[in-house]
C-alpha atoms as a PDB file:
ATOM      1  CA  MET A   1     -33.727 -10.988 -18.255  1.00  0.00           C
ATOM      2  CA  SER A   2     -37.251 -11.399 -16.933  1.00  0.00           C
ATOM      3  CA  ASP A   3     -40.255  -9.073 -16.769  1.00  0.00           C
ATOM      4  CA  ILE A   4     -42.917  -8.846 -14.126  1.00  0.00           C
ATOM      5  CA  THR A   5     -45.972  -6.631 -13.749  1.00  0.00           C
ATOM      6  CA  ILE A   6     -46.869  -5.342 -10.309  1.00  0.00           C
ATOM      7  CA  HIS A   7     -50.337  -4.024  -9.499  1.00  0.00           C
ATOM      8  CA  ILE A   8     -50.359  -1.390  -6.749  1.00  0.00           C
ATOM      9  CA  ASP A   9     -53.677  -1.147  -4.915  1.00  0.00           C
ATOM     10  CA  GLU A  10     -53.153   2.377  -3.605  1.00  0.00           C
ATOM     11  CA  THR A  11     -53.569   5.464  -5.737  1.00  0.00           C
ATOM     12  CA  LEU A  12     -50.170   7.162  -5.813  1.00  0.00           C
ATOM     13  CA  ASP A  13     -49.388  10.614  -7.098  1.00  0.00           C
ATOM     14  CA  SER A  14     -46.728  11.174  -9.792  1.00  0.00           C
ATOM     15  CA  PRO A  15     -43.918  12.240  -7.435  1.00  0.00           C
ATOM     16  CA  THR A  16     -44.456   9.145  -5.272  1.00  0.00           C
ATOM     17  CA  ILE A  17     -44.454   6.857  -8.306  1.00  0.00           C
ATOM     18  CA  LEU A  18     -41.268   8.457  -9.581  1.00  0.00           C
ATOM     19  CA  ALA A  19     -39.584   8.049  -6.188  1.00  0.00           C
ATOM     20  CA  LEU A  20     -40.667   4.390  -6.060  1.00  0.00           C
ATOM     21  CA  GLN A  21     -39.271   3.804  -9.554  1.00  0.00           C
ATOM     22  CA  ASN A  22     -36.002   5.461  -8.602  1.00  0.00           C
ATOM     23  CA  ASP A  23     -35.729   3.340  -5.459  1.00  0.00           C
ATOM     24  CA  LEU A  24     -36.344   0.165  -7.436  1.00  0.00           C
ATOM     25  CA  THR A  25     -33.704   0.946 -10.043  1.00  0.00           C
ATOM     26  CA  GLN A  26     -31.113   1.113  -7.239  1.00  0.00           C
ATOM     27  CA  LEU A  27     -31.695  -2.549  -6.345  1.00  0.00           C
ATOM     28  CA  ASP A  28     -29.283  -5.212  -7.580  1.00  0.00           C
ATOM     29  CA  GLY A  29     -30.543  -6.871 -10.735  1.00  0.00           C
ATOM     30  CA  ILE A  30     -33.175  -4.303 -11.698  1.00  0.00           C
ATOM     31  CA  LYS A  31     -32.675  -3.184 -15.264  1.00  0.00           C
ATOM     32  CA  SER A  32     -35.727  -0.936 -15.797  1.00  0.00           C
ATOM     33  CA  VAL A  33     -38.977   0.124 -14.188  1.00  0.00           C
ATOM     34  CA  GLU A  34     -41.785   1.532 -16.301  1.00  0.00           C
ATOM     35  CA  SER A  35     -45.308   2.778 -15.698  1.00  0.00           C
ATOM     36  CA  LYS A  36     -47.737   4.614 -17.928  1.00  0.00           C
ATOM     37  CA  GLU A  37     -49.277   7.886 -16.817  1.00  0.00           C
ATOM     38  CA  ASN A  38     -52.749   6.599 -17.674  1.00  0.00           C
ATOM     39  CA  ARG A  39     -52.147   3.387 -15.632  1.00  0.00           C
ATOM     40  CA  PRO A  40     -50.097   4.470 -12.625  1.00  0.00           C
ATOM     41  CA  HIS A  41     -51.207   1.420 -10.601  1.00  0.00           C
ATOM     42  CA  LEU A  42     -49.219  -0.883 -12.908  1.00  0.00           C
ATOM     43  CA  MET A  43     -45.424  -1.178 -13.086  1.00  0.00           C
ATOM     44  CA  VAL A  44     -43.470  -3.352 -15.481  1.00  0.00           C
ATOM     45  CA  ILE A  45     -40.074  -4.279 -14.079  1.00  0.00           C
ATOM     46  CA  THR A  46     -37.270  -5.874 -16.062  1.00  0.00           C
ATOM     47  CA  TYR A  47     -34.754  -7.699 -13.894  1.00  0.00           C
ATOM     48  CA  ASP A  48     -31.978 -10.268 -13.914  1.00  0.00           C
ATOM     49  CA  SER A  49     -33.409 -13.389 -12.290  1.00  0.00           C
ATOM     50  CA  LYS A  50     -29.883 -14.500 -11.331  1.00  0.00           C
ATOM     51  CA  LEU A  51     -29.554 -11.455  -9.056  1.00  0.00           C
ATOM     52  CA  THR A  52     -33.062 -11.015  -7.647  1.00  0.00           C
ATOM     53  CA  SER A  53     -36.509 -12.621  -7.710  1.00  0.00           C
ATOM     54  CA  SER A  54     -40.051 -11.453  -8.327  1.00  0.00           C
ATOM     55  CA  GLU A  55     -40.791 -12.177  -4.656  1.00  0.00           C
ATOM     56  CA  ASP A  56     -37.927  -9.915  -3.530  1.00  0.00           C
ATOM     57  CA  ILE A  57     -39.174  -7.158  -5.836  1.00  0.00           C
ATOM     58  CA  LEU A  58     -42.712  -7.479  -4.478  1.00  0.00           C
ATOM     59  CA  LEU A  59     -41.344  -7.373  -0.930  1.00  0.00           C
ATOM     60  CA  ASN A  60     -39.876  -3.963  -1.728  1.00  0.00           C
ATOM     61  CA  PHE A  61     -43.437  -2.664  -2.235  1.00  0.00           C
ATOM     62  CA  THR A  62     -45.033  -4.369   0.750  1.00  0.00           C
ATOM     63  CA  SER A  63     -42.187  -3.400   3.127  1.00  0.00           C
ATOM     64  CA  GLN A  64     -43.064   0.226   2.365  1.00  0.00           C
ATOM     65  CA  GLY A  65     -46.641  -0.354   3.473  1.00  0.00           C
ATOM     66  CA  LEU A  66     -48.062  -0.660  -0.029  1.00  0.00           C
ATOM     67  CA  HIS A  67     -50.566  -3.295  -1.017  1.00  0.00           C
ATOM     68  CA  ALA A  68     -49.343  -4.833  -4.254  1.00  0.00           C
ATOM     69  CA  GLU A  69     -49.363  -8.134  -6.096  1.00  0.00           C
ATOM     70  CA  LEU A  70     -47.778  -9.820  -9.092  1.00  0.00           C
ATOM     71  CA  ILE A  71     -50.161 -10.126 -12.013  1.00  0.00           C
ATOM     72  CA  GLY A  72     -50.146 -12.222 -15.143  1.00  0.00           C
ATOM     73  CA  PHE A  73     -48.623 -15.361 -13.631  1.00  0.00           C
END
């Protein structure tokens, strides 16, 4: 398993963040998606690197019109 942190540039409300998390957990290889209420612009995603990649996960954000980037790499 691998972890990545995604920084989302937009300010999203709680229902939108929850919907995004739910969408991500439906993708192959995603084990968990977490964000803290006091830091909603950050998401930590645990995934199986044999089934998906950090680039594919990031593409899920950008394909929805969000501006996001991987951080900590």
